[in-house]
């Protein structure tokens, strides 16, 4: 998959006071970690670019997107592909406060989580069922270049009491599923009130059929000893 480019600049001054100045200047503090790096690299990002990333088309799949960081370090520009490890947001204002990145190698297999989304109008919902999504992401192993941004599942043919499991998912070539393949992903459940009504209808129909099958009584046998009419 294609990565998303973000421009960054290395920051030398650290601490709470400096972070406060950065945010006031429209910057987002971040840090890049990596097992092939001598030490973590503190950076700053443009708040508008970060907001476009977190609120745009990739908002629901941030953990499964390769970020192509272009870090300006003095006169040098260093490119580092990375994944978002942790993203801190202000819950009230909806702005990003800090990002932790993990540098990756495009030629080494990684373990990551990929979100699951669905398309289509579920057949089971048309007959009173409710489509339930049991898990919203699965763990996979693959090269960063093979990693899907999201796994799309067509639920159009899913009927009442039917289930789509992890093993049924099409994740693409080069991607190994690490999540239990027997784990349900989507299932169509029937609300209890609907089930109760269905049981009641079946019982009523059975009672009617039984009544219709009963022989018609023409005359009743008189109890023994009861005098007859002349």
Protein backbone atom coordinates (compact mmCIF):
# COMPACT_ATOMS: atom_id res chain seq x y z
CA UNK A 1 0.00 0.00 0.00
CA UNK A 2 1.12 3.58 -0.59
CA UNK A 3 2.31 5.50 2.44
CA UNK A 4 1.17 8.89 3.68
CA UNK A 5 3.87 11.58 3.66
CA UNK A 6 4.40 13.85 6.66
CA UNK A 7 7.03 16.57 6.89
CA UNK A 8 8.76 16.94 10.24
CA UNK A 9 11.62 18.80 11.83
CA UNK A 10 13.97 17.56 14.50
CA UNK A 11 13.63 19.42 17.79
CA UNK A 12 16.51 19.95 20.17
CA UNK A 13 14.78 21.70 23.07
CA UNK A 14 12.73 19.36 25.22
CA UNK A 15 10.59 19.74 28.31
CA UNK A 16 7.06 20.90 29.19
CA UNK A 17 7.75 24.58 28.59
CA UNK A 18 9.05 23.92 25.07
CA UNK A 19 6.15 21.59 24.26
CA UNK A 20 3.72 24.33 25.32
CA UNK A 21 5.45 26.79 22.97
CA UNK A 22 5.29 24.29 20.12
CA UNK A 23 1.56 23.77 20.50
CA UNK A 24 0.97 27.52 20.70
CA UNK A 25 2.87 27.86 17.40
CA UNK A 26 0.65 25.28 15.67
CA UNK A 27 3.07 22.37 16.01
CA UNK A 28 2.58 18.82 17.31
CA UNK A 29 5.42 17.27 19.34
CA UNK A 30 6.31 13.69 18.45
CA UNK A 31 9.06 11.13 18.86
CA UNK A 32 10.38 8.36 16.60
CA UNK A 33 11.52 5.03 18.09
CA UNK A 34 13.25 2.20 16.26
CA UNK A 35 15.38 -0.84 17.01
CA UNK A 36 17.81 0.16 14.27
CA UNK A 37 18.24 3.67 15.69
CA UNK A 38 20.92 4.72 18.15
CA UNK A 39 18.41 6.75 20.16
CA UNK A 40 14.81 7.99 19.82
CA UNK A 41 14.47 11.12 17.66
CA UNK A 42 12.23 13.95 18.96
CA UNK A 43 10.45 15.79 16.14
CA UNK A 44 7.73 18.37 15.53
CA UNK A 45 4.94 18.21 12.95
CA UNK A 46 2.61 20.75 11.41
CA UNK A 47 -0.72 20.66 13.24
CA UNK A 48 -2.72 21.15 10.00
CA UNK A 49 -1.07 18.16 8.32
CA UNK A 50 -1.65 16.01 11.39
CA UNK A 51 -5.30 17.09 11.59
CA UNK A 52 -5.78 16.23 7.93
CA UNK A 53 -4.40 12.75 8.65
CA UNK A 54 -6.44 12.07 11.80
CA UNK A 55 -9.73 13.47 10.51
CA UNK A 56 -9.48 12.57 6.82
CA UNK A 57 -10.04 9.40 4.83
CA UNK A 58 -7.43 7.47 6.84
CA UNK A 59 -8.91 8.33 10.25
CA UNK A 60 -10.30 4.84 10.91
CA UNK A 61 -7.09 3.00 9.99
CA UNK A 62 -4.25 5.06 11.48
CA UNK A 63 -2.46 2.04 12.96
CA UNK A 64 -2.22 0.28 9.60
CA UNK A 65 -0.86 3.13 7.49
CA UNK A 66 2.81 3.50 6.67
CA UNK A 67 3.82 7.09 7.43
CA UNK A 68 6.66 8.37 5.26
CA UNK A 69 8.36 10.81 7.62
CA UNK A 70 10.64 13.37 5.98
CA UNK A 71 12.63 14.79 8.87
CA UNK A 72 14.59 18.00 8.45
CA UNK A 73 17.71 17.92 10.62
CA UNK A 74 19.65 21.10 10.02
CA UNK A 75 20.57 21.04 6.35
CA UNK A 76 19.87 17.33 6.01
CA UNK A 77 16.59 15.63 5.22
CA UNK A 78 16.16 12.07 6.47
CA UNK A 79 13.36 9.80 5.33
CA UNK A 80 12.04 7.26 7.82
CA UNK A 81 9.04 4.98 7.13
CA UNK A 82 7.11 4.48 10.36
CA UNK A 83 3.88 3.30 11.95
CA UNK A 84 1.93 5.20 14.59
CA UNK A 85 2.58 3.50 17.92
CA UNK A 86 0.52 5.81 20.13
CA UNK A 87 -1.50 8.93 19.53
CA UNK A 88 -2.62 11.22 22.37
CA UNK A 89 -5.62 13.45 21.75
CA UNK A 90 -7.42 16.14 23.71
CA UNK A 91 -10.86 14.55 24.23
CA UNK A 92 -12.61 17.93 24.46
CA UNK A 93 -11.01 19.84 21.60
CA UNK A 94 -10.26 16.82 19.39
CA UNK A 95 -6.70 17.95 18.66
CA UNK A 96 -3.60 15.75 18.69
CA UNK A 97 -1.29 16.41 21.64
CA UNK A 98 1.55 13.97 20.94
CA UNK A 99 2.47 11.09 18.62
CA UNK A 100 4.84 8.15 19.12
CA UNK A 101 6.15 6.59 15.89
CA UNK A 102 7.89 3.25 15.36
CA UNK A 103 10.41 3.23 12.53
CA UNK A 104 10.08 0.18 10.27
CA UNK A 105 12.00 -1.47 7.46
CA UNK A 106 10.10 -1.96 4.21
CA UNK A 107 11.90 -5.27 3.70
CA UNK A 108 11.15 -6.77 7.14
CA UNK A 109 7.93 -8.49 8.23
CA UNK A 110 5.89 -6.64 10.86
CA UNK A 111 3.02 -7.56 13.16
CA UNK A 112 0.19 -5.06 13.23
CA UNK A 113 -3.59 -4.69 13.54
CA UNK A 114 -5.83 -4.00 10.57
CA UNK A 115 -9.40 -2.66 10.91
CA UNK A 116 -12.41 -4.48 9.45
CA UNK A 117 -15.24 -2.63 7.68
CA UNK A 118 -18.33 -3.96 5.94
CA UNK A 119 -20.31 -3.10 2.82
CA UNK A 120 -23.68 -4.15 1.45
CA UNK A 121 -27.18 -4.41 2.88
CA UNK A 122 -27.37 -7.49 5.07
CA UNK A 123 -30.05 -10.00 3.96
CA UNK A 124 -30.73 -11.04 7.55
CA UNK A 125 -31.57 -7.49 8.61
CA UNK A 126 -34.37 -7.38 6.05
CA UNK A 127 -36.11 -10.22 7.90
CA UNK A 128 -35.86 -8.82 11.40
CA UNK A 129 -32.28 -9.66 12.37
CA UNK A 130 -29.53 -7.40 13.66
CA UNK A 131 -26.04 -7.39 12.15
CA UNK A 132 -23.49 -7.57 14.96
CA UNK A 133 -19.77 -6.90 14.46
CA UNK A 134 -17.96 -9.02 17.04
CA UNK A 135 -14.39 -7.83 16.34
CA UNK A 136 -13.31 -4.61 14.65
CA UNK A 137 -9.71 -5.51 13.82
CA UNK A 138 -7.44 -8.50 13.40
CA UNK A 139 -3.73 -9.04 13.89
CA UNK A 140 -1.68 -9.81 10.80
CA UNK A 141 1.92 -10.41 9.79
CA UNK A 142 3.26 -9.09 6.49
CA UNK A 143 5.69 -6.74 4.78
CA UNK A 144 4.73 -3.07 5.18
CA UNK A 145 4.24 -2.84 1.41
CA UNK A 146 1.66 -5.69 1.52
CA UNK A 147 -0.26 -4.38 4.52
CA UNK A 148 -3.92 -3.60 3.77
CA UNK A 149 -5.22 -0.30 5.13
CA UNK A 150 -8.50 -2.05 6.00
CA UNK A 151 -10.25 -5.36 5.28
CA UNK A 152 -13.60 -4.88 3.56
CA UNK A 153 -16.28 -7.55 3.99
CA UNK A 154 -19.44 -7.82 1.87
CA UNK A 155 -22.28 -8.88 4.22
CA UNK A 156 -25.06 -8.78 1.60
CA UNK A 157 -25.69 -12.56 1.64
CA UNK A 158 -25.48 -12.99 5.42
CA UNK A 159 -28.79 -14.41 6.69
CA UNK A 160 -30.35 -14.99 10.11
CA UNK A 161 -28.10 -16.89 12.54
CA UNK A 162 -25.28 -16.93 9.96
CA UNK A 163 -21.69 -15.91 10.76
CA UNK A 164 -18.58 -14.72 8.96
CA UNK A 165 -15.40 -15.84 10.74
CA UNK A 166 -11.82 -14.58 10.62
CA UNK A 167 -10.89 -17.55 8.44
CA UNK A 168 -13.42 -16.40 5.82
CA UNK A 169 -11.73 -13.02 5.33
CA UNK A 170 -9.88 -12.14 2.14
CA UNK A 171 -6.74 -10.35 3.35
CA UNK A 172 -4.76 -10.40 0.12
CA UNK A 173 -1.50 -12.00 -0.91
CA UNK A 174 1.49 -11.89 1.39
CA UNK A 175 -0.62 -11.33 4.52
CA UNK A 176 -0.73 -13.94 7.30
CA UNK A 177 -3.60 -13.83 9.78
CA UNK A 178 -2.47 -14.20 13.41
CA UNK A 179 -5.91 -13.90 15.04
CA UNK A 180 -7.80 -17.16 15.76
CA UNK A 181 -9.42 -18.12 12.46
CA UNK A 182 -12.49 -19.50 14.26
CA UNK A 183 -13.22 -16.10 15.81
CA UNK A 184 -16.58 -14.70 14.59
CA UNK A 185 -16.37 -11.30 12.90
CA UNK A 186 -19.95 -10.66 11.78
CA UNK A 187 -23.11 -12.48 12.83
CA UNK A 188 -26.82 -11.86 12.39
CA UNK A 189 -28.70 -12.25 15.65
CA UNK A 190 -32.46 -12.35 16.18
CA UNK A 191 -33.84 -10.13 18.97
CA UNK A 192 -35.53 -12.10 21.76
CA UNK A 193 -38.85 -10.34 21.22
CA UNK A 194 -38.84 -11.46 17.56
CA UNK A 195 -37.97 -15.03 18.56
CA UNK A 196 -40.78 -15.05 21.16
CA UNK A 197 -43.29 -13.82 18.57
CA UNK A 198 -42.13 -16.48 16.11
CA UNK A 199 -42.54 -19.24 18.71
CA UNK A 200 -46.01 -17.95 19.58
CA UNK A 201 -47.03 -17.91 15.89
CA UNK A 202 -45.83 -21.49 15.43
CA UNK A 203 -47.77 -22.58 18.51
CA UNK A 204 -50.94 -20.87 17.27
CA UNK A 205 -50.62 -22.46 13.82
CA UNK A 206 -50.09 -25.89 15.40
CA UNK A 207 -53.16 -25.42 17.59
CA UNK A 208 -55.28 -24.43 14.58
CA UNK A 209 -54.08 -27.40 12.56
CA UNK A 210 -54.81 -29.74 15.47
CA UNK A 211 -58.30 -28.28 15.81
CA UNK A 212 -59.02 -28.74 12.13
CA UNK A 213 -57.87 -32.35 12.24
CA UNK A 214 -60.26 -33.22 15.12
CA UNK A 215 -63.32 -35.31 14.01
CA UNK A 216 -66.65 -33.55 14.16
CA UNK A 217 -68.85 -34.69 17.10
CA UNK A 218 -72.36 -35.58 15.84
CA UNK A 219 -73.90 -36.93 19.00
CA UNK A 220 -72.68 -37.36 22.54
CA UNK A 221 -73.01 -40.63 24.39
CA UNK A 222 -75.32 -40.27 27.35
CA UNK A 223 -73.93 -41.12 30.72
CA UNK A 224 -74.91 -44.58 32.01
CA UNK A 225 -78.06 -44.65 34.03
CA UNK A 226 -79.47 -41.41 32.66
CA UNK A 227 -83.06 -41.87 31.54
CA UNK A 228 -83.79 -41.25 27.93
CA UNK A 229 -86.52 -39.10 26.51
CA UNK A 230 -89.51 -40.73 24.85
